[in-house]
PDB file of N, CA and C in Angstrom:
ATOM      1  N   UNK A   1       0.854  -1.132  -0.022  1.00  0.00           N
ATOM      2  CA  UNK A   1      -0.082   0.031   0.024  1.00  0.00           C
ATOM      3  C   UNK A   1       0.905   1.193  -0.095  1.00  0.00           C
ATOM      4  N   UNK A   2       0.570   2.233  -0.824  1.00  0.00           N
ATOM      5  CA  UNK A   2       1.226   3.454  -0.833  1.00  0.00           C
ATOM      6  C   UNK A   2       0.239   4.461  -0.658  1.00  0.00           C
ATOM      7  N   UNK A   3       0.387   5.436   0.153  1.00  0.00           N
ATOM      8  CA  UNK A   3      -0.682   6.536   0.533  1.00  0.00           C
ATOM      9  C   UNK A   3       0.006   7.768   0.001  1.00  0.00           C
ATOM     10  N   UNK A   4      -0.827   8.658  -0.541  1.00  0.00           N
ATOM     11  CA  UNK A   4      -0.385   9.968  -0.984  1.00  0.00           C
ATOM     12  C   UNK A   4      -1.556  10.956  -1.141  1.00  0.00           C
ATOM     13  N   UNK A   5      -1.307  12.069  -1.470  1.00  0.00           N
ATOM     14  CA  UNK A   5      -2.383  13.163  -1.777  1.00  0.00           C
ATOM     15  C   UNK A   5      -2.642  13.338  -3.089  1.00  0.00           C
ATOM     16  N   UNK A   6      -3.903  13.919  -3.480  1.00  0.00           N
ATOM     17  CA  UNK A   6      -4.163  14.417  -4.715  1.00  0.00           C
ATOM     18  C   UNK A   6      -3.601  15.883  -5.017  1.00  0.00           C
ATOM     19  N   UNK A   7      -3.458  16.200  -6.186  1.00  0.00           N
ATOM     20  CA  UNK A   7      -2.855  17.633  -6.400  1.00  0.00           C
ATOM     21  C   UNK A   7      -3.696  18.783  -5.819  1.00  0.00           C
ATOM     22  N   UNK A   8      -4.938  18.381  -5.423  1.00  0.00           N
ATOM     23  CA  UNK A   8      -5.839  19.539  -5.061  1.00  0.00           C
ATOM     24  C   UNK A   8      -5.922  19.265  -3.536  1.00  0.00           C
ATOM     25  N   UNK A   9      -5.293  18.439  -2.837  1.00  0.00           N
ATOM     26  CA  UNK A   9      -5.280  18.260  -1.325  1.00  0.00           C
ATOM     27  C   UNK A   9      -4.802  19.616  -0.560  1.00  0.00           C
ATOM     28  N   UNK A  10      -5.734  20.045   0.208  1.00  0.00           N
ATOM     29  CA  UNK A  10      -5.383  21.270   0.966  1.00  0.00           C
ATOM     30  C   UNK A  10      -5.130  22.493   0.089  1.00  0.00           C
ATOM     31  N   UNK A  11      -5.807  22.625  -1.041  1.00  0.00           N
ATOM     32  CA  UNK A  11      -5.560  23.624  -1.925  1.00  0.00           C
ATOM     33  C   UNK A  11      -5.696  25.036  -1.480  1.00  0.00           C
ATOM     34  N   UNK A  12      -6.630  25.185  -0.469  1.00  0.00           N
ATOM     35  CA  UNK A  12      -6.859  26.303   0.200  1.00  0.00           C
ATOM     36  C   UNK A  12      -5.852  26.866   1.095  1.00  0.00           C
ATOM     37  N   UNK A  13      -5.194  25.996   1.826  1.00  0.00           N
ATOM     38  CA  UNK A  13      -4.109  26.140   2.604  1.00  0.00           C
ATOM     39  C   UNK A  13      -2.844  26.493   1.775  1.00  0.00           C
ATOM     40  N   UNK A  14      -2.575  25.797   0.795  1.00  0.00           N
ATOM     41  CA  UNK A  14      -1.410  26.029  -0.190  1.00  0.00           C
ATOM     42  C   UNK A  14      -1.606  27.415  -0.859  1.00  0.00           C
ATOM     43  N   UNK A  15      -2.760  27.729  -1.066  1.00  0.00           N
ATOM     44  CA  UNK A  15      -2.933  29.084  -1.686  1.00  0.00           C
ATOM     45  C   UNK A  15      -2.628  30.147  -0.686  1.00  0.00           C
ATOM     46  N   UNK A  16      -3.137  30.222   0.533  1.00  0.00           N
ATOM     47  CA  UNK A  16      -2.806  31.095   1.496  1.00  0.00           C
ATOM     48  C   UNK A  16      -1.396  31.161   2.006  1.00  0.00           C
ATOM     49  N   UNK A  17      -0.665  29.893   2.172  1.00  0.00           N
ATOM     50  CA  UNK A  17       0.688  29.888   2.466  1.00  0.00           C
ATOM     51  C   UNK A  17       1.612  30.338   1.451  1.00  0.00           C
ATOM     52  N   UNK A  18       1.273  30.119   0.138  1.00  0.00           N
ATOM     53  CA  UNK A  18       2.078  30.579  -1.087  1.00  0.00           C
ATOM     54  C   UNK A  18       1.890  32.128  -1.139  1.00  0.00           C
ATOM     55  N   UNK A  19       0.583  32.647  -0.892  1.00  0.00           N
ATOM     56  CA  UNK A  19       0.558  34.076  -0.791  1.00  0.00           C
ATOM     57  C   UNK A  19       1.363  34.787   0.262  1.00  0.00           C
ATOM     58  N   UNK A  20       1.371  34.097   1.434  1.00  0.00           N
ATOM     59  CA  UNK A  20       2.135  34.547   2.545  1.00  0.00           C
ATOM     60  C   UNK A  20       3.725  34.606   2.334  1.00  0.00           C
ATOM     61  N   UNK A  21       4.184  33.664   1.436  1.00  0.00           N
ATOM     62  CA  UNK A  21       5.497  33.698   0.969  1.00  0.00           C
ATOM     63  C   UNK A  21       5.843  34.674  -0.047  1.00  0.00           C
ATOM     64  N   UNK A  22       4.947  34.913  -0.859  1.00  0.00           N
ATOM     65  CA  UNK A  22       5.119  35.948  -1.828  1.00  0.00           C
ATOM     66  C   UNK A  22       5.230  37.359  -1.238  1.00  0.00           C
ATOM     67  N   UNK A  23       4.137  37.568  -0.488  1.00  0.00           N
ATOM     68  CA  UNK A  23       4.008  38.897   0.251  1.00  0.00           C
ATOM     69  C   UNK A  23       5.237  39.119   1.117  1.00  0.00           C
ATOM     70  N   UNK A  24       5.732  38.198   1.955  1.00  0.00           N
ATOM     71  CA  UNK A  24       6.722  38.402   2.804  1.00  0.00           C
ATOM     72  C   UNK A  24       8.054  38.382   2.318  1.00  0.00           C
ATOM     73  N   UNK A  25       8.428  37.545   1.314  1.00  0.00           N
ATOM     74  CA  UNK A  25       9.547  37.195   0.755  1.00  0.00           C
ATOM     75  C   UNK A  25       9.683  37.713  -0.651  1.00  0.00           C
ATOM     76  N   UNK A  26       8.669  37.838  -1.390  1.00  0.00           N
ATOM     77  CA  UNK A  26       8.705  38.219  -2.811  1.00  0.00           C
ATOM     78  C   UNK A  26       9.120  37.025  -3.694  1.00  0.00           C
ATOM     79  N   UNK A  27       8.868  35.763  -3.304  1.00  0.00           N
ATOM     80  CA  UNK A  27       9.124  34.685  -4.153  1.00  0.00           C
ATOM     81  C   UNK A  27       8.220  33.618  -3.871  1.00  0.00           C
ATOM     82  N   UNK A  28       8.383  32.600  -4.703  1.00  0.00           N
ATOM     83  CA  UNK A  28       7.442  31.354  -4.703  1.00  0.00           C
ATOM     84  C   UNK A  28       8.251  30.402  -3.768  1.00  0.00           C
ATOM     85  N   UNK A  29       7.325  29.340  -3.163  1.00  0.00           N
ATOM     86  CA  UNK A  29       7.999  28.263  -2.484  1.00  0.00           C
ATOM     87  C   UNK A  29       8.739  27.200  -3.390  1.00  0.00           C
ATOM     88  N   UNK A  30       9.539  26.399  -2.692  1.00  0.00           N
ATOM     89  CA  UNK A  30      10.413  25.285  -3.415  1.00  0.00           C
ATOM     90  C   UNK A  30       9.343  24.307  -3.714  1.00  0.00           C
ATOM     91  N   UNK A  31       9.504  23.511  -4.971  1.00  0.00           N
ATOM     92  CA  UNK A  31       8.594  22.457  -5.214  1.00  0.00           C
ATOM     93  C   UNK A  31       8.672  21.327  -4.071  1.00  0.00           C
ATOM     94  N   UNK A  32       7.419  20.595  -3.919  1.00  0.00           N
ATOM     95  CA  UNK A  32       7.362  19.639  -2.814  1.00  0.00           C
ATOM     96  C   UNK A  32       7.527  18.140  -3.632  1.00  0.00           C
ATOM     97  N   UNK A  33       8.080  17.331  -2.836  1.00  0.00           N
ATOM     98  CA  UNK A  33       8.232  15.939  -3.311  1.00  0.00           C
ATOM     99  C   UNK A  33       6.987  15.408  -3.610  1.00  0.00           C
ATOM    100  N   UNK A  34       5.874  15.768  -3.083  1.00  0.00           N
ATOM    101  CA  UNK A  34       4.596  15.104  -3.427  1.00  0.00           C
ATOM    102  C   UNK A  34       4.072  15.347  -4.759  1.00  0.00           C
ATOM    103  N   UNK A  35       4.507  16.563  -5.341  1.00  0.00           N
ATOM    104  CA  UNK A  35       4.388  16.782  -6.767  1.00  0.00           C
ATOM    105  C   UNK A  35       4.671  15.798  -7.673  1.00  0.00           C
ATOM    106  N   UNK A  36       5.671  14.992  -7.274  1.00  0.00           N
ATOM    107  CA  UNK A  36       6.147  13.755  -8.346  1.00  0.00           C
ATOM    108  C   UNK A  36       5.248  12.604  -8.021  1.00  0.00           C
ATOM    109  N   UNK A  37       4.780  12.326  -6.800  1.00  0.00           N
ATOM    110  CA  UNK A  37       4.194  11.165  -6.470  1.00  0.00           C
ATOM    111  C   UNK A  37       2.721  11.503  -5.847  1.00  0.00           C
ATOM    112  N   UNK A  38       1.749  11.700  -6.699  1.00  0.00           N
ATOM    113  CA  UNK A  38       0.523  11.948  -6.062  1.00  0.00           C
ATOM    114  C   UNK A  38      -0.576  11.068  -6.834  1.00  0.00           C
ATOM    115  N   UNK A  39      -1.830  11.323  -6.401  1.00  0.00           N
ATOM    116  CA  UNK A  39      -2.996  10.625  -7.060  1.00  0.00           C
ATOM    117  C   UNK A  39      -2.865  10.463  -8.577  1.00  0.00           C
ATOM    118  N   UNK A  40      -2.557  11.491  -9.194  1.00  0.00           N
ATOM    119  CA  UNK A  40      -2.532  11.611 -10.713  1.00  0.00           C
ATOM    120  C   UNK A  40      -1.351  10.999 -11.238  1.00  0.00           C
ATOM    121  N   UNK A  41      -0.167  10.904 -10.571  1.00  0.00           N
ATOM    122  CA  UNK A  41       1.132  10.472 -11.146  1.00  0.00           C
ATOM    123  C   UNK A  41       1.634   9.045 -10.558  1.00  0.00           C
ATOM    124  N   UNK A  42       0.901   8.830  -9.409  1.00  0.00           N
ATOM    125  CA  UNK A  42       1.581   7.519  -8.687  1.00  0.00           C
ATOM    126  C   UNK A  42       1.235   6.292  -9.172  1.00  0.00           C
ATOM    127  N   UNK A  43       0.154   6.138  -9.727  1.00  0.00           N
ATOM    128  CA  UNK A  43      -0.011   4.707 -10.307  1.00  0.00           C
ATOM    129  C   UNK A  43       0.993   4.013 -11.057  1.00  0.00           C
ATOM    130  N   UNK A  44       1.470   4.727 -12.126  1.00  0.00           N
ATOM    131  CA  UNK A  44       2.583   4.133 -12.881  1.00  0.00           C
ATOM    132  C   UNK A  44       3.769   3.701 -12.051  1.00  0.00           C
ATOM    133  N   UNK A  45       4.092   4.494 -11.163  1.00  0.00           N
ATOM    134  CA  UNK A  45       5.200   3.999 -10.150  1.00  0.00           C
ATOM    135  C   UNK A  45       4.943   2.674  -9.538  1.00  0.00           C
ATOM    136  N   UNK A  46       3.803   2.551  -8.946  1.00  0.00           N
ATOM    137  CA  UNK A  46       3.330   1.386  -8.279  1.00  0.00           C
ATOM    138  C   UNK A  46       3.249   0.288  -9.181  1.00  0.00           C
ATOM    139  N   UNK A  47       2.804   0.393 -10.457  1.00  0.00           N
ATOM    140  CA  UNK A  47       2.627  -0.637 -11.444  1.00  0.00           C
ATOM    141  C   UNK A  47       3.936  -1.257 -11.848  1.00  0.00           C
ATOM    142  N   UNK A  48       4.991  -0.495 -11.669  1.00  0.00           N
ATOM    143  CA  UNK A  48       6.361  -1.063 -12.051  1.00  0.00           C
ATOM    144  C   UNK A  48       6.729  -2.203 -11.177  1.00  0.00           C
ATOM    145  N   UNK A  49       6.082  -2.449 -10.052  1.00  0.00           N
ATOM    146  CA  UNK A  49       6.393  -3.514  -9.077  1.00  0.00           C
ATOM    147  C   UNK A  49       5.269  -4.418  -8.855  1.00  0.00           C
ATOM    148  N   UNK A  50       4.060  -4.100  -9.117  1.00  0.00           N
ATOM    149  CA  UNK A  50       2.977  -4.810  -8.860  1.00  0.00           C
ATOM    150  C   UNK A  50       2.013  -5.074  -9.941  1.00  0.00           C
ATOM    151  N   UNK A  51       1.328  -6.271  -9.945  1.00  0.00           N
ATOM    152  CA  UNK A  51       0.432  -6.399 -11.219  1.00  0.00           C
ATOM    153  C   UNK A  51      -0.877  -5.738 -10.988  1.00  0.00           C
ATOM    154  N   UNK A  52      -1.494  -5.933  -9.872  1.00  0.00           N
ATOM    155  CA  UNK A  52      -2.788  -5.371  -9.704  1.00  0.00           C
ATOM    156  C   UNK A  52      -2.741  -4.160  -8.858  1.00  0.00           C
ATOM    157  N   UNK A  53      -3.127  -2.935  -9.310  1.00  0.00           N
ATOM    158  CA  UNK A  53      -3.146  -1.847  -8.474  1.00  0.00           C
ATOM    159  C   UNK A  53      -4.580  -1.232  -8.467  1.00  0.00           C
ATOM    160  N   UNK A  54      -5.084  -0.821  -7.231  1.00  0.00           N
ATOM    161  CA  UNK A  54      -6.354  -0.219  -7.033  1.00  0.00           C
ATOM    162  C   UNK A  54      -6.121   1.130  -6.435  1.00  0.00           C
ATOM    163  N   UNK A  55      -6.605   2.110  -6.837  1.00  0.00           N
ATOM    164  CA  UNK A  55      -6.587   3.544  -6.308  1.00  0.00           C
ATOM    165  C   UNK A  55      -7.856   3.683  -5.492  1.00  0.00           C
ATOM    166  N   UNK A  56      -7.863   3.901  -4.018  1.00  0.00           N
ATOM    167  CA  UNK A  56      -8.801   4.279  -3.319  1.00  0.00           C
ATOM    168  C   UNK A  56      -8.615   5.637  -2.825  1.00  0.00           C
ATOM    169  N   UNK A  57      -9.600   6.519  -3.321  1.00  0.00           N
ATOM    170  CA  UNK A  57      -9.749   7.889  -2.930  1.00  0.00           C
ATOM    171  C   UNK A  57     -10.592   8.133  -1.719  1.00  0.00           C
ATOM    172  N   UNK A  58     -10.258   9.378  -1.061  1.00  0.00           N
ATOM    173  CA  UNK A  58     -11.193   9.807  -0.057  1.00  0.00           C
ATOM    174  C   UNK A  58     -11.107  11.379  -0.060  1.00  0.00           C
ATOM    175  N   UNK A  59     -12.279  11.985   0.266  1.00  0.00           N
ATOM    176  CA  UNK A  59     -12.325  13.432   0.339  1.00  0.00           C
ATOM    177  C   UNK A  59     -13.027  13.862   1.685  1.00  0.00           C
ATOM    178  N   UNK A  60     -12.795  15.037   2.062  1.00  0.00           N
ATOM    179  CA  UNK A  60     -13.368  15.629   3.367  1.00  0.00           C
ATOM    180  C   UNK A  60     -12.974  16.977   3.417  1.00  0.00           C
ATOM    181  N   UNK A  61     -13.183  17.554   4.675  1.00  0.00           N
ATOM    182  CA  UNK A  61     -12.837  18.922   5.048  1.00  0.00           C
ATOM    183  C   UNK A  61     -12.306  19.103   6.291  1.00  0.00           C
ATOM    184  N   UNK A  62     -11.406  19.858   6.513  1.00  0.00           N
ATOM    185  CA  UNK A  62     -10.764  20.228   7.782  1.00  0.00           C
ATOM    186  C   UNK A  62     -11.438  21.606   8.050  1.00  0.00           C
ATOM    187  N   UNK A  63     -12.326  21.751   9.118  1.00  0.00           N
ATOM    188  CA  UNK A  63     -12.999  23.034   9.461  1.00  0.00           C
ATOM    189  C   UNK A  63     -12.385  23.459  10.744  1.00  0.00           C
ATOM    190  N   UNK A  64     -11.697  24.681  10.700  1.00  0.00           N
ATOM    191  CA  UNK A  64     -10.935  25.378  11.788  1.00  0.00           C
ATOM    192  C   UNK A  64     -11.668  26.413  12.281  1.00  0.00           C
ATOM    193  N   UNK A  65     -12.110  26.351  13.660  1.00  0.00           N
ATOM    194  CA  UNK A  65     -12.664  27.598  14.200  1.00  0.00           C
ATOM    195  C   UNK A  65     -11.746  28.692  14.684  1.00  0.00           C
ATOM    196  N   UNK A  66     -10.435  28.386  14.555  1.00  0.00           N
ATOM    197  CA  UNK A  66      -9.363  29.313  15.030  1.00  0.00           C
ATOM    198  C   UNK A  66      -8.176  29.173  14.094  1.00  0.00           C
ATOM    199  N   UNK A  67      -7.239  30.067  14.281  1.00  0.00           N
ATOM    200  CA  UNK A  67      -6.136  30.034  13.412  1.00  0.00           C
ATOM    201  C   UNK A  67      -4.904  29.240  13.963  1.00  0.00           C
ATOM    202  N   UNK A  68      -4.938  28.828  15.119  1.00  0.00           N
ATOM    203  CA  UNK A  68      -3.899  28.002  15.693  1.00  0.00           C
ATOM    204  C   UNK A  68      -3.422  26.810  14.909  1.00  0.00           C
ATOM    205  N   UNK A  69      -4.351  25.847  14.664  1.00  0.00           N
ATOM    206  CA  UNK A  69      -4.206  24.855  13.944  1.00  0.00           C
ATOM    207  C   UNK A  69      -3.513  25.113  12.461  1.00  0.00           C
ATOM    208  N   UNK A  70      -3.914  26.090  11.789  1.00  0.00           N
ATOM    209  CA  UNK A  70      -3.307  26.527  10.566  1.00  0.00           C
ATOM    210  C   UNK A  70      -1.947  26.773  10.851  1.00  0.00           C
ATOM    211  N   UNK A  71      -1.627  27.608  11.905  1.00  0.00           N
ATOM    212  CA  UNK A  71      -0.284  28.042  12.131  1.00  0.00           C
ATOM    213  C   UNK A  71       0.561  26.823  12.472  1.00  0.00           C
ATOM    214  N   UNK A  72       0.021  25.621  13.039  1.00  0.00           N
ATOM    215  CA  UNK A  72       0.721  24.616  13.376  1.00  0.00           C
ATOM    216  C   UNK A  72       1.150  23.706  11.947  1.00  0.00           C
ATOM    217  N   UNK A  73       0.091  23.754  11.141  1.00  0.00           N
ATOM    218  CA  UNK A  73       0.445  23.209   9.734  1.00  0.00           C
ATOM    219  C   UNK A  73       1.575  23.961   9.095  1.00  0.00           C
ATOM    220  N   UNK A  74       1.747  25.234   9.294  1.00  0.00           N
ATOM    221  CA  UNK A  74       2.952  25.936   8.658  1.00  0.00           C
ATOM    222  C   UNK A  74       4.114  25.324   9.060  1.00  0.00           C
ATOM    223  N   UNK A  75       4.311  24.821  10.445  1.00  0.00           N
ATOM    224  CA  UNK A  75       5.647  24.238  10.872  1.00  0.00           C
ATOM    225  C   UNK A  75       6.018  22.994  10.100  1.00  0.00           C
ATOM    226  N   UNK A  76       5.093  22.237   9.615  1.00  0.00           N
ATOM    227  CA  UNK A  76       5.445  21.114   8.885  1.00  0.00           C
ATOM    228  C   UNK A  76       5.402  21.343   7.452  1.00  0.00           C
ATOM    229  N   UNK A  77       4.753  22.389   6.882  1.00  0.00           N
ATOM    230  CA  UNK A  77       4.662  22.677   5.533  1.00  0.00           C
ATOM    231  C   UNK A  77       5.711  23.525   4.965  1.00  0.00           C
ATOM    232  N   UNK A  78       6.208  24.537   5.865  1.00  0.00           N
ATOM    233  CA  UNK A  78       7.083  25.485   5.288  1.00  0.00           C
ATOM    234  C   UNK A  78       8.392  24.981   4.607  1.00  0.00           C
ATOM    235  N   UNK A  79       8.878  25.500   3.581  1.00  0.00           N
ATOM    236  CA  UNK A  79       9.928  25.051   2.812  1.00  0.00           C
ATOM    237  C   UNK A  79      11.220  24.955   3.702  1.00  0.00           C
ATOM    238  N   UNK A  80      11.850  23.895   3.625  1.00  0.00           N
ATOM    239  CA  UNK A  80      13.119  23.635   4.359  1.00  0.00           C
ATOM    240  C   UNK A  80      14.253  24.671   4.051  1.00  0.00           C
ATOM    241  N   UNK A  81      14.100  25.180   2.838  1.00  0.00           N
ATOM    242  CA  UNK A  81      15.135  26.098   2.276  1.00  0.00           C
ATOM    243  C   UNK A  81      14.987  27.451   2.984  1.00  0.00           C
ATOM    244  N   UNK A  82      13.962  27.729   3.690  1.00  0.00           N
ATOM    245  CA  UNK A  82      13.844  28.989   4.302  1.00  0.00           C
ATOM    246  C   UNK A  82      14.962  29.219   5.515  1.00  0.00           C
ATOM    247  N   UNK A  83      15.585  30.415   5.479  1.00  0.00           N
ATOM    248  CA  UNK A  83      16.257  30.654   6.658  1.00  0.00           C
ATOM    249  C   UNK A  83      15.390  31.017   7.880  1.00  0.00           C
ATOM    250  N   UNK A  84      15.871  30.877   8.921  1.00  0.00           N
ATOM    251  CA  UNK A  84      15.013  31.153  10.136  1.00  0.00           C
ATOM    252  C   UNK A  84      14.279  32.411  10.059  1.00  0.00           C
ATOM    253  N   UNK A  85      14.989  33.575   9.843  1.00  0.00           N
ATOM    254  CA  UNK A  85      14.369  34.845   9.906  1.00  0.00           C
ATOM    255  C   UNK A  85      13.370  34.885   8.728  1.00  0.00           C
ATOM    256  N   UNK A  86      13.533  34.334   7.573  1.00  0.00           N
ATOM    257  CA  UNK A  86      12.556  34.250   6.510  1.00  0.00           C
ATOM    258  C   UNK A  86      11.338  33.503   6.730  1.00  0.00           C
ATOM    259  N   UNK A  87      11.481  32.338   7.517  1.00  0.00           N
ATOM    260  CA  UNK A  87      10.462  31.595   7.992  1.00  0.00           C
ATOM    261  C   UNK A  87       9.623  32.406   9.037  1.00  0.00           C
ATOM    262  N   UNK A  88      10.102  33.111   9.855  1.00  0.00           N
ATOM    263  CA  UNK A  88       9.510  33.932  10.724  1.00  0.00           C
ATOM    264  C   UNK A  88       8.624  34.968  10.153  1.00  0.00           C
ATOM    265  N   UNK A  89       9.240  35.546   9.157  1.00  0.00           N
ATOM    266  CA  UNK A  89       8.379  36.649   8.350  1.00  0.00           C
ATOM    267  C   UNK A  89       7.313  36.116   7.670  1.00  0.00           C
ATOM    268  N   UNK A  90       7.403  34.915   7.066  1.00  0.00           N
ATOM    269  CA  UNK A  90       6.398  34.339   6.215  1.00  0.00           C
ATOM    270  C   UNK A  90       5.411  33.805   7.114  1.00  0.00           C
ATOM    271  N   UNK A  91       5.677  33.255   8.260  1.00  0.00           N
ATOM    272  CA  UNK A  91       4.678  32.774   9.304  1.00  0.00           C
ATOM    273  C   UNK A  91       3.980  33.929   9.891  1.00  0.00           C
ATOM    274  N   UNK A  92       4.423  35.105  10.071  1.00  0.00           N
ATOM    275  CA  UNK A  92       3.686  36.279  10.581  1.00  0.00           C
ATOM    276  C   UNK A  92       2.816  36.764   9.531  1.00  0.00           C
ATOM    277  N   UNK A  93       3.109  36.671   8.223  1.00  0.00           N
ATOM    278  CA  UNK A  93       2.238  37.005   7.161  1.00  0.00           C
ATOM    279  C   UNK A  93       1.117  35.994   6.989  1.00  0.00           C
ATOM    280  N   UNK A  94       1.397  34.867   7.223  1.00  0.00           N
ATOM    281  CA  UNK A  94       0.331  33.746   7.269  1.00  0.00           C
ATOM    282  C   UNK A  94      -0.521  33.976   8.336  1.00  0.00           C
ATOM    283  N   UNK A  95       0.008  34.286   9.494  1.00  0.00           N
ATOM    284  CA  UNK A  95      -1.082  34.541  10.671  1.00  0.00           C
ATOM    285  C   UNK A  95      -2.041  35.621  10.311  1.00  0.00           C
ATOM    286  N   UNK A  96      -1.367  36.806   9.593  1.00  0.00           N
ATOM    287  CA  UNK A  96      -2.278  38.000   9.307  1.00  0.00           C
ATOM    288  C   UNK A  96      -3.354  37.623   8.161  1.00  0.00           C
ATOM    289  N   UNK A  97      -2.942  36.744   7.304  1.00  0.00           N
ATOM    290  CA  UNK A  97      -3.929  36.353   6.177  1.00  0.00           C
ATOM    291  C   UNK A  97      -4.968  35.345   6.826  1.00  0.00           C
ATOM    292  N   UNK A  98      -4.426  34.538   7.796  1.00  0.00           N
ATOM    293  CA  UNK A  98      -5.420  33.585   8.328  1.00  0.00           C
ATOM    294  C   UNK A  98      -6.481  34.291   9.150  1.00  0.00           C
ATOM    295  N   UNK A  99      -6.080  35.250   9.936  1.00  0.00           N
ATOM    296  CA  UNK A  99      -6.927  36.171  10.801  1.00  0.00           C
ATOM    297  C   UNK A  99      -8.075  36.839   9.780  1.00  0.00           C
ATOM    298  N   UNK A 100      -7.665  37.277   8.714  1.00  0.00           N
ATOM    299  CA  UNK A 100      -8.534  37.846   7.773  1.00  0.00           C
ATOM    300  C   UNK A 100      -9.515  36.897   7.152  1.00  0.00           C
ATOM    301  N   UNK A 101      -9.186  35.571   6.949  1.00  0.00           N
ATOM    302  CA  UNK A 101      -9.931  34.521   6.366  1.00  0.00           C
ATOM    303  C   UNK A 101     -10.858  34.117   7.337  1.00  0.00           C
ATOM    304  N   UNK A 102     -10.429  34.095   8.648  1.00  0.00           N
ATOM    305  CA  UNK A 102     -11.448  33.698   9.711  1.00  0.00           C
ATOM    306  C   UNK A 102     -12.425  34.744   9.995  1.00  0.00           C
ATOM    307  N   UNK A 103     -11.999  36.065  10.123  1.00  0.00           N
ATOM    308  CA  UNK A 103     -13.020  37.176  10.206  1.00  0.00           C
ATOM    309  C   UNK A 103     -13.919  37.232   8.954  1.00  0.00           C
ATOM    310  N   UNK A 104     -13.539  36.900   7.914  1.00  0.00           N
ATOM    311  CA  UNK A 104     -14.352  36.932   6.630  1.00  0.00           C
ATOM    312  C   UNK A 104     -15.354  35.901   6.685  1.00  0.00           C
ATOM    313  N   UNK A 105     -14.930  34.617   6.867  1.00  0.00           N
ATOM    314  CA  UNK A 105     -15.837  33.549   6.601  1.00  0.00           C
ATOM    315  C   UNK A 105     -16.330  32.820   8.073  1.00  0.00           C
ATOM    316  N   UNK A 106     -15.792  33.316   8.979  1.00  0.00           N
ATOM    317  CA  UNK A 106     -16.258  32.608  10.304  1.00  0.00           C
ATOM    318  C   UNK A 106     -15.642  31.367  10.767  1.00  0.00           C
ATOM    319  N   UNK A 107     -15.069  30.688   9.830  1.00  0.00           N
ATOM    320  CA  UNK A 107     -14.168  29.467   9.968  1.00  0.00           C
ATOM    321  C   UNK A 107     -13.346  29.442   8.974  1.00  0.00           C
ATOM    322  N   UNK A 108     -12.299  28.451   9.069  1.00  0.00           N
ATOM    323  CA  UNK A 108     -11.313  28.227   7.967  1.00  0.00           C
ATOM    324  C   UNK A 108     -11.544  26.853   7.497  1.00  0.00           C
ATOM    325  N   UNK A 109     -12.024  26.694   6.251  1.00  0.00           N
ATOM    326  CA  UNK A 109     -12.367  25.411   5.593  1.00  0.00           C
ATOM    327  C   UNK A 109     -11.215  24.990   4.630  1.00  0.00           C
ATOM    328  N   UNK A 110     -10.626  23.900   4.884  1.00  0.00           N
ATOM    329  CA  UNK A 110      -9.552  23.324   3.970  1.00  0.00           C
ATOM    330  C   UNK A 110     -10.005  21.950   3.459  1.00  0.00           C
ATOM    331  N   UNK A 111     -10.015  21.838   2.019  1.00  0.00           N
ATOM    332  CA  UNK A 111     -10.442  20.503   1.468  1.00  0.00           C
ATOM    333  C   UNK A 111      -9.280  19.520   1.681  1.00  0.00           C
ATOM    334  N   UNK A 112      -9.783  18.301   1.854  1.00  0.00           N
ATOM    335  CA  UNK A 112      -8.693  17.076   1.866  1.00  0.00           C
ATOM    336  C   UNK A 112      -9.111  16.141   0.801  1.00  0.00           C
ATOM    337  N   UNK A 113      -8.037  15.689   0.215  1.00  0.00           N
ATOM    338  CA  UNK A 113      -8.224  14.667  -0.882  1.00  0.00           C
ATOM    339  C   UNK A 113      -7.004  13.804  -0.899  1.00  0.00           C
ATOM    340  N   UNK A 114      -7.120  12.503  -0.505  1.00  0.00           N
ATOM    341  CA  UNK A 114      -6.188  11.630  -0.510  1.00  0.00           C
ATOM    342  C   UNK A 114      -6.466  10.317  -1.279  1.00  0.00           C
ATOM    343  N   UNK A 115      -5.509   9.459  -1.386  1.00  0.00           N
ATOM    344  CA  UNK A 115      -5.518   8.117  -2.030  1.00  0.00           C
ATOM    345  C   UNK A 115      -4.613   7.180  -1.499  1.00  0.00           C
ATOM    346  N   UNK A 116      -5.015   5.848  -1.542  1.00  0.00           N
ATOM    347  CA  UNK A 116      -4.150   4.763  -1.113  1.00  0.00           C
ATOM    348  C   UNK A 116      -4.214   3.982  -2.367  1.00  0.00           C
ATOM    349  N   UNK A 117      -3.030   3.557  -2.883  1.00  0.00           N
ATOM    350  CA  UNK A 117      -2.727   2.613  -3.948  1.00  0.00           C
ATOM    351  C   UNK A 117      -2.601   1.266  -3.239  1.00  0.00           C
ATOM    352  N   UNK A 118      -3.678   0.384  -3.420  1.00  0.00           N
ATOM    353  CA  UNK A 118      -3.594  -0.920  -2.912  1.00  0.00           C
ATOM    354  C   UNK A 118      -3.064  -1.901  -3.950  1.00  0.00           C
ATOM    355  N   UNK A 119      -1.902  -2.536  -3.730  1.00  0.00           N
ATOM    356  CA  UNK A 119      -1.335  -3.239  -4.743  1.00  0.00           C
ATOM    357  C   UNK A 119      -1.043  -4.742  -4.324  1.00  0.00           C
ATOM    358  N   UNK A 120      -1.156  -5.568  -5.276  1.00  0.00           N
ATOM    359  CA  UNK A 120      -0.924  -7.063  -5.073  1.00  0.00           C
ATOM    360  C   UNK A 120       0.005  -7.522  -6.153  1.00  0.00           C
ATOM    361  N   UNK A 121       0.806  -8.573  -5.782  1.00  0.00           N
ATOM    362  CA  UNK A 121       1.748  -9.103  -6.811  1.00  0.00           C
ATOM    363  C   UNK A 121       0.935 -10.025  -7.888  1.00  0.00           C
ATOM    364  N   UNK A 122      -0.179 -10.572  -7.498  1.00  0.00           N
ATOM    365  CA  UNK A 122      -0.998 -11.382  -8.436  1.00  0.00           C
ATOM    366  C   UNK A 122      -0.466 -12.676  -8.671  1.00  0.00           C
ATOM    367  N   UNK A 123      -1.126 -13.494  -9.437  1.00  0.00           N
ATOM    368  CA  UNK A 123      -0.604 -14.829  -9.502  1.00  0.00           C
ATOM    369  C   UNK A 123       0.560 -15.205 -10.526  1.00  0.00           C
TER     370      UNK A 123
END
């Protein structure tokens, strides 16, 4: 079994975090490894080693009534290439944007979309 995300997993978070990086640092984030192995691209990788592959998708929502969980996500999402000072600036901008989002919508809704590739060797 190989578990990964779809390209649109947490798209709303990706959008606000990227906006925070652009605003605070004037540049885009580094590409993530998940871009290479996701729901759309992963099956051929798994099929190289297994005869039968089934993709099992799931969708849902993460609904946040406050910004703290969103800031917690930043700690695992932020690009490793950022210097400590840059990470601090981008996180502060993310906090500002998240507060605007929460005020505007009353909650922060982030889509979830994942997949498990279930594989067997076959006969």
